C-alpha atoms as a PDB file:
ATOM      1  CA  UNK A   1      65.714  93.944 100.927  1.00  0.00           C
ATOM      2  CA  UNK A   2      66.022  97.796 101.314  1.00  0.00           C
ATOM      3  CA  UNK A   3      66.930  97.746 104.374  1.00  0.00           C
ATOM      4  CA  UNK A   4      69.505  95.184 104.627  1.00  0.00           C
ATOM      5  CA  UNK A   5      71.119  96.988 101.593  1.00  0.00           C
ATOM      6  CA  UNK A   6      71.219  99.901 103.765  1.00  0.00           C
ATOM      7  CA  UNK A   7      72.684  98.555 106.414  1.00  0.00           C
ATOM      8  CA  UNK A   8      75.479  96.648 104.504  1.00  0.00           C
ATOM      9  CA  UNK A   9      76.405 100.179 102.457  1.00  0.00           C
ATOM     10  CA  UNK A  10      76.097 101.951 106.218  1.00  0.00           C
ATOM     11  CA  UNK A  11      78.718  99.696 107.529  1.00  0.00           C
ATOM     12  CA  UNK A  12      80.916  99.485 104.414  1.00  0.00           C
ATOM     13  CA  UNK A  13      80.968 103.156 104.798  1.00  0.00           C
ATOM     14  CA  UNK A  14      81.813 102.954 107.835  1.00  0.00           C
ATOM     15  CA  UNK A  15      84.465 100.561 108.165  1.00  0.00           C
ATOM     16  CA  UNK A  16      86.109 102.883 105.272  1.00  0.00           C
ATOM     17  CA  UNK A  17      86.013 106.108 107.408  1.00  0.00           C
ATOM     18  CA  UNK A  18      87.669 103.933 110.600  1.00  0.00           C
ATOM     19  CA  UNK A  19      90.194 103.247 107.987  1.00  0.00           C
ATOM     20  CA  UNK A  20      90.986 106.471 106.502  1.00  0.00           C
ATOM     21  CA  UNK A  21      90.296 107.902 110.112  1.00  0.00           C
ATOM     22  CA  UNK A  22      93.344 106.026 111.276  1.00  0.00           C
ATOM     23  CA  UNK A  23      95.676 106.399 108.896  1.00  0.00           C
ATOM     24  CA  UNK A  24      95.427 109.981 109.122  1.00  0.00           C
ATOM     25  CA  UNK A  25      95.875 110.268 112.628  1.00  0.00           C
ATOM     26  CA  UNK A  26      99.607 109.499 113.002  1.00  0.00           C
ATOM     27  CA  UNK A  27      99.086 107.734 115.983  1.00  0.00           C
ATOM     28  CA  UNK A  28     102.370 106.628 118.000  1.00  0.00           C
ATOM     29  CA  UNK A  29     101.860 102.990 119.106  1.00  0.00           C
ATOM     30  CA  UNK A  30     103.240 102.189 122.471  1.00  0.00           C
ATOM     31  CA  UNK A  31     106.139  99.695 122.426  1.00  0.00           C
ATOM     32  CA  UNK A  32     105.543  96.282 123.354  1.00  0.00           C
ATOM     33  CA  UNK A  33     107.011  92.689 123.928  1.00  0.00           C
ATOM     34  CA  UNK A  34     105.247  89.802 123.628  1.00  0.00           C
ATOM     35  CA  UNK A  35     106.172  85.831 123.745  1.00  0.00           C
ATOM     36  CA  UNK A  36     105.795  84.069 120.288  1.00  0.00           C
ATOM     37  CA  UNK A  37     104.977  80.606 119.667  1.00  0.00           C
ATOM     38  CA  UNK A  38     108.301  79.616 119.255  1.00  0.00           C
ATOM     39  CA  UNK A  39     109.444  80.782 122.329  1.00  0.00           C
ATOM     40  CA  UNK A  40     111.115  84.489 120.990  1.00  0.00           C
ATOM     41  CA  UNK A  41     109.995  87.936 122.112  1.00  0.00           C
ATOM     42  CA  UNK A  42     109.185  89.856 119.650  1.00  0.00           C
ATOM     43  CA  UNK A  43     109.181  93.649 120.157  1.00  0.00           C
ATOM     44  CA  UNK A  44     108.107  96.365 118.227  1.00  0.00           C
ATOM     45  CA  UNK A  45     110.711  98.848 118.340  1.00  0.00           C
ATOM     46  CA  UNK A  46     113.461  95.895 118.081  1.00  0.00           C
ATOM     47  CA  UNK A  47     111.266  95.025 114.455  1.00  0.00           C
ATOM     48  CA  UNK A  48     111.560  98.644 113.334  1.00  0.00           C
ATOM     49  CA  UNK A  49     115.449  99.076 114.230  1.00  0.00           C
ATOM     50  CA  UNK A  50     115.703  96.394 110.827  1.00  0.00           C
ATOM     51  CA  UNK A  51     113.040  97.044 109.149  1.00  0.00           C
ATOM     52  CA  UNK A  52     110.817  99.694 107.527  1.00  0.00           C
ATOM     53  CA  UNK A  53     107.476  98.306 108.192  1.00  0.00           C
ATOM     54  CA  UNK A  54     106.094  96.173 110.992  1.00  0.00           C
ATOM     55  CA  UNK A  55     102.298  94.574 109.993  1.00  0.00           C
ATOM     56  CA  UNK A  56     100.155  93.661 112.703  1.00  0.00           C
ATOM     57  CA  UNK A  57      98.109  91.235 111.913  1.00  0.00           C
ATOM     58  CA  UNK A  58      95.190  90.478 114.096  1.00  0.00           C
ATOM     59  CA  UNK A  59      93.473  87.767 114.241  1.00  0.00           C
ATOM     60  CA  UNK A  60      91.889  84.318 116.094  1.00  0.00           C
ATOM     61  CA  UNK A  61      92.263  80.546 114.954  1.00  0.00           C
ATOM     62  CA  UNK A  62      87.937  80.211 114.957  1.00  0.00           C
ATOM     63  CA  UNK A  63      87.691  83.076 112.100  1.00  0.00           C
ATOM     64  CA  UNK A  64      87.860  81.815 108.424  1.00  0.00           C
ATOM     65  CA  UNK A  65      88.521  84.922 106.319  1.00  0.00           C
ATOM     66  CA  UNK A  66      91.647  85.039 108.671  1.00  0.00           C
ATOM     67  CA  UNK A  67      92.895  81.448 107.493  1.00  0.00           C
ATOM     68  CA  UNK A  68      91.865  82.386 104.193  1.00  0.00           C
ATOM     69  CA  UNK A  69      93.957  85.353 104.322  1.00  0.00           C
ATOM     70  CA  UNK A  70      97.344  83.632 105.825  1.00  0.00           C
ATOM     71  CA  UNK A  71      98.901  81.728 102.475  1.00  0.00           C
ATOM     72  CA  UNK A  72      98.887  85.523 100.695  1.00  0.00           C
ATOM     73  CA  UNK A  73     100.389  87.125 103.599  1.00  0.00           C
ATOM     74  CA  UNK A  74     102.641  84.288 103.977  1.00  0.00           C
ATOM     75  CA  UNK A  75     104.052  84.672 100.596  1.00  0.00           C
ATOM     76  CA  UNK A  76     103.752  88.604 100.448  1.00  0.00           C
ATOM     77  CA  UNK A  77     105.719  88.156 103.887  1.00  0.00           C
ATOM     78  CA  UNK A  78     108.884  85.668 102.431  1.00  0.00           C
ATOM     79  CA  UNK A  79     109.058  88.176  99.502  1.00  0.00           C
ATOM     80  CA  UNK A  80     109.491  91.005 101.806  1.00  0.00           C
ATOM     81  CA  UNK A  81     110.642  89.740 105.108  1.00  0.00           C
ATOM     82  CA  UNK A  82     114.052  92.105 104.815  1.00  0.00           C
ATOM     83  CA  UNK A  83     112.028  95.313 104.906  1.00  0.00           C
ATOM     84  CA  UNK A  84     108.326  94.497 106.565  1.00  0.00           C
ATOM     85  CA  UNK A  85     108.407  92.269 109.690  1.00  0.00           C
ATOM     86  CA  UNK A  86     104.695  90.407 110.776  1.00  0.00           C
ATOM     87  CA  UNK A  87     103.685  89.681 113.742  1.00  0.00           C
ATOM     88  CA  UNK A  88      99.773  87.565 113.791  1.00  0.00           C
ATOM     89  CA  UNK A  89      98.462  88.561 116.998  1.00  0.00           C
ATOM     90  CA  UNK A  90      95.619  86.248 118.087  1.00  0.00           C
ATOM     91  CA  UNK A  91      92.539  88.160 119.826  1.00  0.00           C
ATOM     92  CA  UNK A  92      90.888  84.901 121.596  1.00  0.00           C
ATOM     93  CA  UNK A  93      91.815  84.564 124.746  1.00  0.00           C
ATOM     94  CA  UNK A  94      91.205  80.469 124.309  1.00  0.00           C
ATOM     95  CA  UNK A  95      93.756  80.613 121.703  1.00  0.00           C
ATOM     96  CA  UNK A  96      96.182  78.841 123.622  1.00  0.00           C
ATOM     97  CA  UNK A  97      99.957  78.674 122.745  1.00  0.00           C
ATOM     98  CA  UNK A  98      99.530  74.647 121.767  1.00  0.00           C
ATOM     99  CA  UNK A  99      96.398  75.606 119.916  1.00  0.00           C
ATOM    100  CA  UNK A 100      98.193  78.209 118.124  1.00  0.00           C
ATOM    101  CA  UNK A 101     101.403  76.116 117.441  1.00  0.00           C
ATOM    102  CA  UNK A 102      99.036  73.468 115.902  1.00  0.00           C
ATOM    103  CA  UNK A 103      97.368  75.755 113.830  1.00  0.00           C
ATOM    104  CA  UNK A 104     100.827  77.590 112.492  1.00  0.00           C
ATOM    105  CA  UNK A 105     102.088  74.080 111.605  1.00  0.00           C
ATOM    106  CA  UNK A 106      99.073  73.154 109.699  1.00  0.00           C
ATOM    107  CA  UNK A 107      98.795  76.274 108.208  1.00  0.00           C
ATOM    108  CA  UNK A 108     102.336  76.433 107.358  1.00  0.00           C
ATOM    109  CA  UNK A 109     103.222  79.653 108.755  1.00  0.00           C
ATOM    110  CA  UNK A 110     106.643  80.731 109.269  1.00  0.00           C
ATOM    111  CA  UNK A 111     105.958  84.630 110.480  1.00  0.00           C
ATOM    112  CA  UNK A 112     105.921  85.198 113.957  1.00  0.00           C
ATOM    113  CA  UNK A 113     102.666  84.192 116.037  1.00  0.00           C
ATOM    114  CA  UNK A 114     101.475  84.835 119.580  1.00  0.00           C
ATOM    115  CA  UNK A 115      98.486  85.652 121.503  1.00  0.00           C
ATOM    116  CA  UNK A 116      97.483  89.602 121.901  1.00  0.00           C
ATOM    117  CA  UNK A 117      97.880  89.379 126.191  1.00  0.00           C
ATOM    118  CA  UNK A 118      97.955  92.805 127.639  1.00  0.00           C
ATOM    119  CA  UNK A 119      99.563  94.916 124.676  1.00  0.00           C
ATOM    120  CA  UNK A 120      95.889  96.754 124.396  1.00  0.00           C
ATOM    121  CA  UNK A 121      96.153  95.997 120.685  1.00  0.00           C
ATOM    122  CA  UNK A 122      93.443  94.097 120.890  1.00  0.00           C
ATOM    123  CA  UNK A 123      91.545  97.527 120.347  1.00  0.00           C
ATOM    124  CA  UNK A 124      92.662  98.138 117.092  1.00  0.00           C
ATOM    125  CA  UNK A 125      90.299  94.706 116.352  1.00  0.00           C
ATOM    126  CA  UNK A 126      86.856  95.904 118.183  1.00  0.00           C
ATOM    127  CA  UNK A 127      85.045  96.187 114.539  1.00  0.00           C
ATOM    128  CA  UNK A 128      86.341  92.782 113.745  1.00  0.00           C
ATOM    129  CA  UNK A 129      89.031  90.835 112.577  1.00  0.00           C
ATOM    130  CA  UNK A 130      91.016  90.269 110.440  1.00  0.00           C
ATOM    131  CA  UNK A 131      92.477  93.801 111.010  1.00  0.00           C
ATOM    132  CA  UNK A 132      95.573  94.498 109.918  1.00  0.00           C
ATOM    133  CA  UNK A 133      97.511  97.633 111.403  1.00  0.00           C
ATOM    134  CA  UNK A 134     100.750  98.786 109.553  1.00  0.00           C
ATOM    135  CA  UNK A 135     103.507 100.744 111.737  1.00  0.00           C
ATOM    136  CA  UNK A 136     106.292 102.363 109.964  1.00  0.00           C
ATOM    137  CA  UNK A 137     109.841 103.234 110.255  1.00  0.00           C
ATOM    138  CA  UNK A 138     108.941 106.269 113.141  1.00  0.00           C
ATOM    139  CA  UNK A 139     106.548 103.713 114.980  1.00  0.00           C
ATOM    140  CA  UNK A 140     103.454 105.658 114.006  1.00  0.00           C
ATOM    141  CA  UNK A 141     100.013 103.363 112.932  1.00  0.00           C
ATOM    142  CA  UNK A 142     100.101 104.040 109.019  1.00  0.00           C
ATOM    143  CA  UNK A 143      97.424 102.000 108.529  1.00  0.00           C
ATOM    144  CA  UNK A 144      94.548 100.095 109.651  1.00  0.00           C
ATOM    145  CA  UNK A 145      92.226  98.231 107.725  1.00  0.00           C
ATOM    146  CA  UNK A 146      89.577  95.729 108.735  1.00  0.00           C
ATOM    147  CA  UNK A 147      88.723  92.844 106.356  1.00  0.00           C
ATOM    148  CA  UNK A 148      91.004  89.932 104.341  1.00  0.00           C
ATOM    149  CA  UNK A 149      92.896  90.167 101.939  1.00  0.00           C
ATOM    150  CA  UNK A 150      92.436  87.543  99.201  1.00  0.00           C
ATOM    151  CA  UNK A 151      95.672  87.925  97.051  1.00  0.00           C
ATOM    152  CA  UNK A 152      99.504  88.312  97.753  1.00  0.00           C
ATOM    153  CA  UNK A 153      99.197  91.435  95.307  1.00  0.00           C
ATOM    154  CA  UNK A 154      97.051  93.089  97.779  1.00  0.00           C
ATOM    155  CA  UNK A 155      99.200  92.789 100.675  1.00  0.00           C
ATOM    156  CA  UNK A 156     102.105  94.155  97.845  1.00  0.00           C
ATOM    157  CA  UNK A 157     100.249  97.118  97.212  1.00  0.00           C
ATOM    158  CA  UNK A 158      99.639  97.845 101.054  1.00  0.00           C
ATOM    159  CA  UNK A 159     103.415  97.397 101.126  1.00  0.00           C
ATOM    160  CA  UNK A 160     104.439  99.475  98.451  1.00  0.00           C
ATOM    161  CA  UNK A 161     101.974 102.521  99.486  1.00  0.00           C
ATOM    162  CA  UNK A 162     103.703 102.641 102.880  1.00  0.00           C
ATOM    163  CA  UNK A 163     107.488 101.790 102.280  1.00  0.00           C
ATOM    164  CA  UNK A 164     109.994 103.863 101.338  1.00  0.00           C
ATOM    165  CA  UNK A 165     110.940 103.963  97.735  1.00  0.00           C
ATOM    166  CA  UNK A 166     114.596 103.295  98.469  1.00  0.00           C
ATOM    167  CA  UNK A 167     116.446 102.280 101.866  1.00  0.00           C
ATOM    168  CA  UNK A 168     117.252 106.380 102.917  1.00  0.00           C
ATOM    169  CA  UNK A 169     116.790 105.222 106.434  1.00  0.00           C
ATOM    170  CA  UNK A 170     119.985 103.087 105.845  1.00  0.00           C
ATOM    171  CA  UNK A 171     121.651 105.677 103.923  1.00  0.00           C
ATOM    172  CA  UNK A 172     120.902 108.100 106.858  1.00  0.00           C
ATOM    173  CA  UNK A 173     122.408 105.944 109.390  1.00  0.00           C
ATOM    174  CA  UNK A 174     125.687 105.525 107.349  1.00  0.00           C
ATOM    175  CA  UNK A 175     125.641 109.315 107.021  1.00  0.00           C
ATOM    176  CA  UNK A 176     125.155 110.024 110.617  1.00  0.00           C
ATOM    177  CA  UNK A 177     128.121 106.852 111.621  1.00  0.00           C
ATOM    178  CA  UNK A 178     129.866 109.069 108.844  1.00  0.00           C
ATOM    179  CA  UNK A 179     129.780 111.956 110.596  1.00  0.00           C
ATOM    180  CA  UNK A 180     130.692 110.768 113.834  1.00  0.00           C
ATOM    181  CA  UNK A 181     133.793 109.213 112.461  1.00  0.00           C
ATOM    182  CA  UNK A 182     135.076 112.796 111.996  1.00  0.00           C
ATOM    183  CA  UNK A 183     134.856 112.737 108.130  1.00  0.00           C
ATOM    184  CA  UNK A 184     132.639 115.867 107.715  1.00  0.00           C
ATOM    185  CA  UNK A 185     135.350 117.173 105.105  1.00  0.00           C
ATOM    186  CA  UNK A 186     135.415 114.523 103.051  1.00  0.00           C
ATOM    187  CA  UNK A 187     131.800 114.534 101.456  1.00  0.00           C
ATOM    188  CA  UNK A 188     132.945 113.421  98.305  1.00  0.00           C
ATOM    189  CA  UNK A 189     134.068 109.761 100.057  1.00  0.00           C
ATOM    190  CA  UNK A 190     130.272 110.066 101.428  1.00  0.00           C
ATOM    191  CA  UNK A 191     128.996 110.919  97.651  1.00  0.00           C
ATOM    192  CA  UNK A 192     130.806 107.661  95.925  1.00  0.00           C
ATOM    193  CA  UNK A 193     130.183 105.321  98.869  1.00  0.00           C
ATOM    194  CA  UNK A 194     126.399 106.273  97.929  1.00  0.00           C
ATOM    195  CA  UNK A 195     125.790 106.548  93.902  1.00  0.00           C
END
């Protein structure tokens, strides 16, 4: 019994270290494009143009914890889809497009789903699934966490932890456009446009 407890504690410590290590590295993620089960292309860089974060969920159809967390991910995404993009990538080679479509219908999932393919992202799932990879607006890995979330609030807390407090990137984009138009001599217009 002591040996089992020791092994479990070591495993928990290792997983915590992996999450902390990955979150602290500020790893720039390579851009990728996958074909989703609804026939659309999902490209990381394109998603980051319109969102503050991209959550990449690495999973498989045979994984019970993956299935358990999907309703909570669906609800959290529905509440945050204007600022958070989600792509669920199956790491199981036998999860065909038809199998993924059937699974998504049965689970009533509406966020993009695809097979991980040759993105290289399956390396993040080498310690287990589900694995959540959170990518910030600059395309850097903000967080890697292994294990399921069992409430919408857990996803919301994750989003809140890494999402900018405001839409300052939109303000920055506006300021850049404003300056390009030659209005740099009228800062009062800029200030009044964004209280």
